[in-house]
């Protein structure tokens, strides 16, 4: 337990911050901590159509939170194995929910929570395929 977490694990705080951040960016949250036989996805969101992508986009989001980025940034923790597990869970979600006609992408939200500082949030759009 971190002293600045106020009783909440670091990852839970980070996911809450990421959720609020994505909502402010105009995304609608479809699921939090989606679990299935294929794995888990931290957040699943829906982004409206844009000029570049005329269809709505289902966004699978991996959230990584760290108390410091002194040695490495949080996003670097999303390695090949983690990406494959998120992709497998996304395929399961797409098979079990109406998704025809939607664009799909995979994002990372990287958060650094240092004591006494405002959270640093980085949203990496289309972080992996």
N, C-alpha and C. Protein backbone atom coordinates (compact mmCIF):
# COMPACT_ATOMS: atom_id res chain seq x y z
N UNK A 1 0.85 -1.18 0.00
CA UNK A 1 0.00 0.00 0.00
C UNK A 1 0.89 1.24 0.00
N UNK A 2 0.60 2.18 -0.86
CA UNK A 2 1.38 3.41 -0.95
C UNK A 2 0.81 4.43 0.02
N UNK A 3 1.65 5.23 0.64
CA UNK A 3 1.17 6.18 1.65
C UNK A 3 0.22 7.23 1.11
N UNK A 4 0.26 7.53 -0.18
CA UNK A 4 -0.60 8.58 -0.74
C UNK A 4 -1.84 8.03 -1.42
N UNK A 5 -2.10 6.74 -1.28
CA UNK A 5 -3.24 6.12 -1.95
C UNK A 5 -4.55 6.28 -1.20
N UNK A 6 -4.49 6.72 0.05
CA UNK A 6 -5.69 6.86 0.87
C UNK A 6 -6.51 5.56 0.89
N UNK A 7 -5.81 4.44 1.03
CA UNK A 7 -6.49 3.17 1.16
C UNK A 7 -6.84 2.49 -0.15
N UNK A 8 -6.56 3.11 -1.27
CA UNK A 8 -6.87 2.52 -2.57
C UNK A 8 -5.57 2.07 -3.24
N UNK A 9 -5.54 0.88 -3.79
CA UNK A 9 -4.35 0.45 -4.52
C UNK A 9 -4.04 1.41 -5.68
N UNK A 10 -2.78 1.50 -6.00
CA UNK A 10 -2.31 2.41 -7.04
C UNK A 10 -3.05 2.19 -8.36
N UNK A 11 -3.19 0.95 -8.77
CA UNK A 11 -3.85 0.64 -10.04
C UNK A 11 -5.30 1.08 -10.08
N UNK A 12 -6.00 0.93 -8.97
CA UNK A 12 -7.42 1.34 -8.90
C UNK A 12 -7.52 2.85 -9.06
N UNK A 13 -6.65 3.58 -8.39
CA UNK A 13 -6.65 5.04 -8.53
C UNK A 13 -6.35 5.43 -9.97
N UNK A 14 -5.37 4.77 -10.57
CA UNK A 14 -5.00 5.08 -11.94
C UNK A 14 -6.15 4.82 -12.91
N UNK A 15 -6.85 3.71 -12.73
CA UNK A 15 -7.98 3.41 -13.62
C UNK A 15 -9.08 4.45 -13.49
N UNK A 16 -9.31 4.92 -12.27
CA UNK A 16 -10.32 5.97 -12.08
C UNK A 16 -9.92 7.27 -12.78
N UNK A 17 -8.64 7.60 -12.67
CA UNK A 17 -8.14 8.81 -13.33
C UNK A 17 -8.25 8.65 -14.85
N UNK A 18 -7.89 7.48 -15.36
CA UNK A 18 -7.98 7.23 -16.81
C UNK A 18 -9.42 7.32 -17.29
N UNK A 19 -10.34 6.77 -16.51
CA UNK A 19 -11.76 6.81 -16.88
C UNK A 19 -12.24 8.25 -17.01
N UNK A 20 -11.93 9.07 -16.01
CA UNK A 20 -12.33 10.49 -16.07
C UNK A 20 -11.67 11.20 -17.24
N UNK A 21 -10.40 10.91 -17.48
CA UNK A 21 -9.67 11.52 -18.58
C UNK A 21 -10.34 11.19 -19.92
N UNK A 22 -10.65 9.91 -20.13
CA UNK A 22 -11.26 9.50 -21.40
C UNK A 22 -12.65 10.11 -21.58
N UNK A 23 -13.40 10.19 -20.50
CA UNK A 23 -14.71 10.84 -20.58
C UNK A 23 -14.57 12.30 -20.99
N UNK A 24 -13.59 12.98 -20.43
CA UNK A 24 -13.36 14.38 -20.81
C UNK A 24 -12.95 14.51 -22.28
N UNK A 25 -12.37 13.46 -22.82
CA UNK A 25 -11.98 13.45 -24.24
C UNK A 25 -13.16 13.12 -25.15
N UNK A 26 -14.33 12.85 -24.54
CA UNK A 26 -15.53 12.59 -25.32
C UNK A 26 -15.84 11.12 -25.55
N UNK A 27 -15.10 10.22 -24.92
CA UNK A 27 -15.38 8.80 -25.08
C UNK A 27 -16.44 8.36 -24.08
N UNK A 28 -17.26 7.42 -24.49
CA UNK A 28 -18.28 6.83 -23.62
C UNK A 28 -17.72 5.50 -23.11
N UNK A 29 -17.75 5.31 -21.81
CA UNK A 29 -17.22 4.08 -21.22
C UNK A 29 -18.26 2.97 -21.34
N UNK A 30 -17.87 1.88 -21.98
CA UNK A 30 -18.75 0.72 -22.15
C UNK A 30 -18.55 -0.32 -21.06
N UNK A 31 -17.31 -0.47 -20.59
CA UNK A 31 -17.02 -1.49 -19.57
C UNK A 31 -15.75 -1.12 -18.81
N UNK A 32 -15.74 -1.49 -17.53
CA UNK A 32 -14.55 -1.36 -16.69
C UNK A 32 -14.14 -2.75 -16.25
N UNK A 33 -12.85 -3.01 -16.26
CA UNK A 33 -12.31 -4.30 -15.82
C UNK A 33 -13.08 -5.47 -16.45
N UNK A 34 -13.20 -5.44 -17.76
CA UNK A 34 -13.91 -6.50 -18.49
C UNK A 34 -13.10 -7.79 -18.41
N UNK A 35 -13.73 -8.83 -17.88
CA UNK A 35 -13.08 -10.13 -17.75
C UNK A 35 -13.85 -11.16 -18.55
N UNK A 36 -13.10 -12.06 -19.18
CA UNK A 36 -13.69 -13.14 -19.97
C UNK A 36 -12.71 -14.31 -19.95
N UNK A 37 -13.09 -15.44 -20.52
CA UNK A 37 -12.16 -16.58 -20.51
C UNK A 37 -10.83 -16.28 -21.21
N UNK A 38 -10.81 -15.30 -22.10
CA UNK A 38 -9.60 -14.98 -22.85
C UNK A 38 -8.67 -14.01 -22.15
N UNK A 39 -9.16 -13.32 -21.12
CA UNK A 39 -8.30 -12.36 -20.43
C UNK A 39 -9.09 -11.21 -19.85
N UNK A 40 -8.43 -10.05 -19.75
CA UNK A 40 -9.03 -8.89 -19.10
C UNK A 40 -8.61 -7.62 -19.83
N UNK A 41 -9.54 -6.65 -19.88
CA UNK A 41 -9.26 -5.33 -20.44
C UNK A 41 -9.66 -4.31 -19.38
N UNK A 42 -8.79 -3.35 -19.11
CA UNK A 42 -9.06 -2.36 -18.07
C UNK A 42 -10.30 -1.53 -18.38
N UNK A 43 -10.34 -0.94 -19.57
CA UNK A 43 -11.48 -0.11 -19.97
C UNK A 43 -11.82 -0.39 -21.43
N UNK A 44 -13.12 -0.37 -21.71
CA UNK A 44 -13.60 -0.44 -23.09
C UNK A 44 -14.46 0.79 -23.29
N UNK A 45 -14.16 1.54 -24.34
CA UNK A 45 -14.84 2.81 -24.55
C UNK A 45 -15.33 2.90 -26.00
N UNK A 46 -16.19 3.85 -26.24
CA UNK A 46 -16.72 4.10 -27.58
C UNK A 46 -16.43 5.54 -27.95
N UNK A 47 -15.78 5.72 -29.08
CA UNK A 47 -15.52 7.06 -29.59
C UNK A 47 -16.39 7.28 -30.82
N UNK A 48 -16.99 8.45 -30.90
CA UNK A 48 -17.84 8.77 -32.03
C UNK A 48 -17.05 8.85 -33.33
N UNK A 49 -17.77 8.85 -34.41
CA UNK A 49 -17.16 8.96 -35.74
C UNK A 49 -16.41 10.28 -35.86
N UNK A 50 -15.35 10.27 -36.64
CA UNK A 50 -14.57 11.47 -36.89
C UNK A 50 -14.42 11.66 -38.40
N UNK A 51 -13.81 12.75 -38.77
CA UNK A 51 -13.58 12.99 -40.20
C UNK A 51 -12.68 11.89 -40.77
N UNK A 52 -11.65 11.50 -40.01
CA UNK A 52 -10.71 10.48 -40.48
C UNK A 52 -11.29 9.07 -40.45
N UNK A 53 -12.14 8.81 -39.45
CA UNK A 53 -12.75 7.47 -39.31
C UNK A 53 -14.26 7.68 -39.22
N UNK A 54 -14.97 7.44 -40.33
CA UNK A 54 -16.41 7.75 -40.36
C UNK A 54 -17.29 6.81 -39.53
N UNK A 55 -16.73 5.75 -38.97
CA UNK A 55 -17.50 4.84 -38.13
C UNK A 55 -17.14 5.08 -36.67
N UNK A 56 -18.04 4.71 -35.76
CA UNK A 56 -17.71 4.77 -34.34
C UNK A 56 -16.59 3.76 -34.08
N UNK A 57 -15.81 4.03 -33.05
CA UNK A 57 -14.65 3.19 -32.73
C UNK A 57 -14.80 2.60 -31.34
N UNK A 58 -14.64 1.28 -31.26
CA UNK A 58 -14.56 0.62 -29.96
C UNK A 58 -13.09 0.65 -29.56
N UNK A 59 -12.81 1.21 -28.39
CA UNK A 59 -11.44 1.42 -27.93
C UNK A 59 -11.17 0.52 -26.73
N UNK A 60 -10.20 -0.35 -26.87
CA UNK A 60 -9.77 -1.22 -25.77
C UNK A 60 -8.55 -0.54 -25.14
N UNK A 61 -8.66 -0.26 -23.84
CA UNK A 61 -7.66 0.57 -23.18
C UNK A 61 -6.95 -0.21 -22.07
N UNK A 62 -5.64 -0.25 -22.14
CA UNK A 62 -4.82 -0.79 -21.07
C UNK A 62 -4.30 0.40 -20.26
N UNK A 63 -4.54 0.38 -18.96
CA UNK A 63 -4.10 1.47 -18.08
C UNK A 63 -2.90 0.98 -17.28
N UNK A 64 -1.84 1.76 -17.30
CA UNK A 64 -0.65 1.44 -16.51
C UNK A 64 -0.34 2.63 -15.62
N UNK A 65 -0.24 2.35 -14.33
CA UNK A 65 -0.01 3.39 -13.34
C UNK A 65 1.25 3.06 -12.55
N UNK A 66 2.06 4.07 -12.34
CA UNK A 66 3.27 3.90 -11.55
C UNK A 66 3.40 5.08 -10.59
N UNK A 67 4.14 4.89 -9.52
CA UNK A 67 4.38 5.96 -8.57
C UNK A 67 5.55 6.83 -9.00
N UNK A 68 6.29 6.36 -10.02
CA UNK A 68 7.42 7.12 -10.53
C UNK A 68 7.75 6.64 -11.93
N UNK A 69 8.31 7.52 -12.73
CA UNK A 69 8.79 7.09 -14.05
C UNK A 69 10.31 7.26 -14.11
N UNK A 70 10.92 7.20 -12.96
CA UNK A 70 12.36 7.43 -12.86
C UNK A 70 13.16 6.46 -13.72
N UNK A 71 12.79 5.19 -13.71
CA UNK A 71 13.56 4.19 -14.45
C UNK A 71 12.93 3.81 -15.78
N UNK A 72 11.62 3.89 -15.86
CA UNK A 72 10.93 3.57 -17.10
C UNK A 72 9.52 4.14 -17.04
N UNK A 73 8.96 4.41 -18.20
CA UNK A 73 7.60 4.94 -18.22
C UNK A 73 6.60 3.80 -18.08
N UNK A 74 5.42 4.07 -17.54
CA UNK A 74 4.44 3.01 -17.32
C UNK A 74 4.03 2.27 -18.59
N UNK A 75 3.95 2.97 -19.71
CA UNK A 75 3.50 2.33 -20.96
C UNK A 75 4.43 1.21 -21.40
N UNK A 76 5.70 1.29 -21.04
CA UNK A 76 6.65 0.25 -21.45
C UNK A 76 6.35 -1.09 -20.78
N UNK A 77 5.51 -1.09 -19.76
CA UNK A 77 5.11 -2.34 -19.10
C UNK A 77 4.11 -3.13 -19.93
N UNK A 78 3.58 -2.52 -20.99
CA UNK A 78 2.65 -3.24 -21.87
C UNK A 78 3.49 -3.93 -22.93
N UNK A 79 4.00 -5.10 -22.56
CA UNK A 79 4.88 -5.87 -23.45
C UNK A 79 4.07 -6.73 -24.42
N UNK A 80 4.75 -7.49 -25.24
CA UNK A 80 4.10 -8.31 -26.24
C UNK A 80 3.10 -9.29 -25.66
N UNK A 81 3.45 -9.92 -24.55
CA UNK A 81 2.55 -10.88 -23.92
C UNK A 81 1.27 -10.20 -23.44
N UNK A 82 1.41 -9.04 -22.80
CA UNK A 82 0.23 -8.30 -22.32
C UNK A 82 -0.63 -7.86 -23.49
N UNK A 83 -0.01 -7.41 -24.57
CA UNK A 83 -0.76 -6.99 -25.76
C UNK A 83 -1.57 -8.16 -26.32
N UNK A 84 -0.96 -9.33 -26.40
CA UNK A 84 -1.67 -10.51 -26.92
C UNK A 84 -2.87 -10.86 -26.04
N UNK A 85 -2.71 -10.75 -24.72
CA UNK A 85 -3.83 -11.06 -23.82
C UNK A 85 -4.96 -10.05 -23.98
N UNK A 86 -4.61 -8.78 -24.11
CA UNK A 86 -5.64 -7.75 -24.33
C UNK A 86 -6.34 -7.99 -25.67
N UNK A 87 -5.58 -8.31 -26.70
CA UNK A 87 -6.17 -8.58 -28.01
C UNK A 87 -7.10 -9.79 -27.97
N UNK A 88 -6.72 -10.83 -27.23
CA UNK A 88 -7.57 -12.01 -27.12
C UNK A 88 -8.88 -11.67 -26.42
N UNK A 89 -8.80 -10.89 -25.34
CA UNK A 89 -10.02 -10.47 -24.64
C UNK A 89 -10.87 -9.58 -25.54
N UNK A 90 -10.24 -8.74 -26.34
CA UNK A 90 -10.98 -7.88 -27.27
C UNK A 90 -11.71 -8.72 -28.32
N UNK A 91 -11.04 -9.73 -28.85
CA UNK A 91 -11.71 -10.61 -29.84
C UNK A 91 -12.93 -11.28 -29.22
N UNK A 92 -12.80 -11.72 -27.98
CA UNK A 92 -13.93 -12.34 -27.29
C UNK A 92 -15.07 -11.33 -27.14
N UNK A 93 -14.74 -10.12 -26.70
CA UNK A 93 -15.75 -9.07 -26.54
C UNK A 93 -16.46 -8.81 -27.88
N UNK A 94 -15.70 -8.70 -28.94
CA UNK A 94 -16.28 -8.40 -30.26
C UNK A 94 -17.17 -9.54 -30.76
N UNK A 95 -16.84 -10.77 -30.40
CA UNK A 95 -17.67 -11.92 -30.79
C UNK A 95 -18.97 -11.98 -30.00
N UNK A 96 -18.96 -11.45 -28.77
CA UNK A 96 -20.11 -11.61 -27.89
C UNK A 96 -20.94 -10.33 -27.74
N UNK A 97 -20.58 -9.28 -28.43
CA UNK A 97 -21.32 -8.02 -28.40
C UNK A 97 -21.53 -7.52 -29.83
N UNK A 98 -22.63 -6.84 -30.09
CA UNK A 98 -22.83 -6.30 -31.44
C UNK A 98 -21.68 -5.34 -31.79
N UNK A 99 -20.94 -5.67 -32.84
CA UNK A 99 -19.78 -4.84 -33.16
C UNK A 99 -19.55 -4.66 -34.66
N UNK A 100 -20.42 -5.20 -35.46
CA UNK A 100 -20.24 -5.07 -36.91
C UNK A 100 -20.35 -3.59 -37.32
N UNK A 101 -19.43 -3.17 -38.14
CA UNK A 101 -19.43 -1.81 -38.63
C UNK A 101 -18.63 -0.84 -37.78
N UNK A 102 -18.12 -1.31 -36.66
CA UNK A 102 -17.31 -0.46 -35.80
C UNK A 102 -15.83 -0.59 -36.17
N UNK A 103 -15.11 0.48 -36.03
CA UNK A 103 -13.66 0.47 -36.12
C UNK A 103 -13.17 0.02 -34.73
N UNK A 104 -11.99 -0.60 -34.66
CA UNK A 104 -11.44 -1.06 -33.38
C UNK A 104 -10.02 -0.52 -33.24
N UNK A 105 -9.68 -0.11 -32.01
CA UNK A 105 -8.30 0.29 -31.77
C UNK A 105 -7.91 -0.06 -30.33
N UNK A 106 -6.60 -0.07 -30.12
CA UNK A 106 -6.03 -0.40 -28.81
C UNK A 106 -5.18 0.78 -28.34
N UNK A 107 -5.54 1.33 -27.18
CA UNK A 107 -4.85 2.48 -26.61
C UNK A 107 -4.21 2.09 -25.29
N UNK A 108 -3.25 2.91 -24.88
CA UNK A 108 -2.66 2.80 -23.54
C UNK A 108 -2.84 4.16 -22.87
N UNK A 109 -3.27 4.14 -21.62
CA UNK A 109 -3.25 5.35 -20.81
C UNK A 109 -2.21 5.11 -19.72
N UNK A 110 -1.17 5.94 -19.76
CA UNK A 110 -0.05 5.85 -18.84
C UNK A 110 -0.20 6.95 -17.79
N UNK A 111 -0.11 6.57 -16.52
CA UNK A 111 -0.31 7.53 -15.43
C UNK A 111 0.83 7.42 -14.43
N UNK A 112 1.37 8.58 -14.06
CA UNK A 112 2.38 8.63 -13.01
C UNK A 112 1.78 9.42 -11.85
N UNK A 113 1.70 8.76 -10.68
CA UNK A 113 1.15 9.36 -9.47
C UNK A 113 2.27 9.52 -8.45
N UNK A 114 2.81 10.71 -8.38
CA UNK A 114 3.86 10.97 -7.39
C UNK A 114 3.26 11.75 -6.24
N UNK A 115 3.67 11.44 -5.01
CA UNK A 115 3.12 12.13 -3.85
C UNK A 115 3.28 13.65 -3.98
N UNK A 116 2.21 14.37 -3.68
CA UNK A 116 2.25 15.82 -3.68
C UNK A 116 2.19 16.47 -5.05
N UNK A 117 2.05 15.68 -6.11
CA UNK A 117 1.99 16.23 -7.46
C UNK A 117 0.68 15.84 -8.14
N UNK A 118 0.30 16.62 -9.14
CA UNK A 118 -0.86 16.26 -9.94
C UNK A 118 -0.52 15.04 -10.78
N UNK A 119 -1.48 14.15 -11.01
CA UNK A 119 -1.21 12.98 -11.85
C UNK A 119 -0.78 13.41 -13.25
N UNK A 120 0.21 12.71 -13.79
CA UNK A 120 0.63 12.93 -15.18
C UNK A 120 0.01 11.84 -16.02
N UNK A 121 -0.82 12.25 -16.97
CA UNK A 121 -1.55 11.30 -17.80
C UNK A 121 -1.08 11.44 -19.24
N UNK A 122 -0.76 10.30 -19.86
CA UNK A 122 -0.42 10.27 -21.28
C UNK A 122 -1.33 9.26 -21.96
N UNK A 123 -2.02 9.69 -23.01
CA UNK A 123 -2.92 8.82 -23.76
C UNK A 123 -2.24 8.48 -25.07
N UNK A 124 -1.92 7.21 -25.24
CA UNK A 124 -1.26 6.75 -26.46
C UNK A 124 -2.33 6.09 -27.32
N UNK A 125 -2.75 6.79 -28.36
CA UNK A 125 -3.81 6.33 -29.26
C UNK A 125 -3.19 5.35 -30.25
N UNK A 126 -3.91 4.27 -30.54
CA UNK A 126 -3.44 3.22 -31.45
C UNK A 126 -2.04 2.76 -31.04
N UNK A 127 -1.90 2.42 -29.76
CA UNK A 127 -0.62 2.01 -29.21
C UNK A 127 -0.13 0.69 -29.80
N UNK A 128 -1.07 -0.16 -30.17
CA UNK A 128 -0.71 -1.43 -30.80
C UNK A 128 -1.90 -1.94 -31.60
N UNK A 129 -1.63 -2.90 -32.46
CA UNK A 129 -2.67 -3.43 -33.34
C UNK A 129 -3.22 -4.75 -32.83
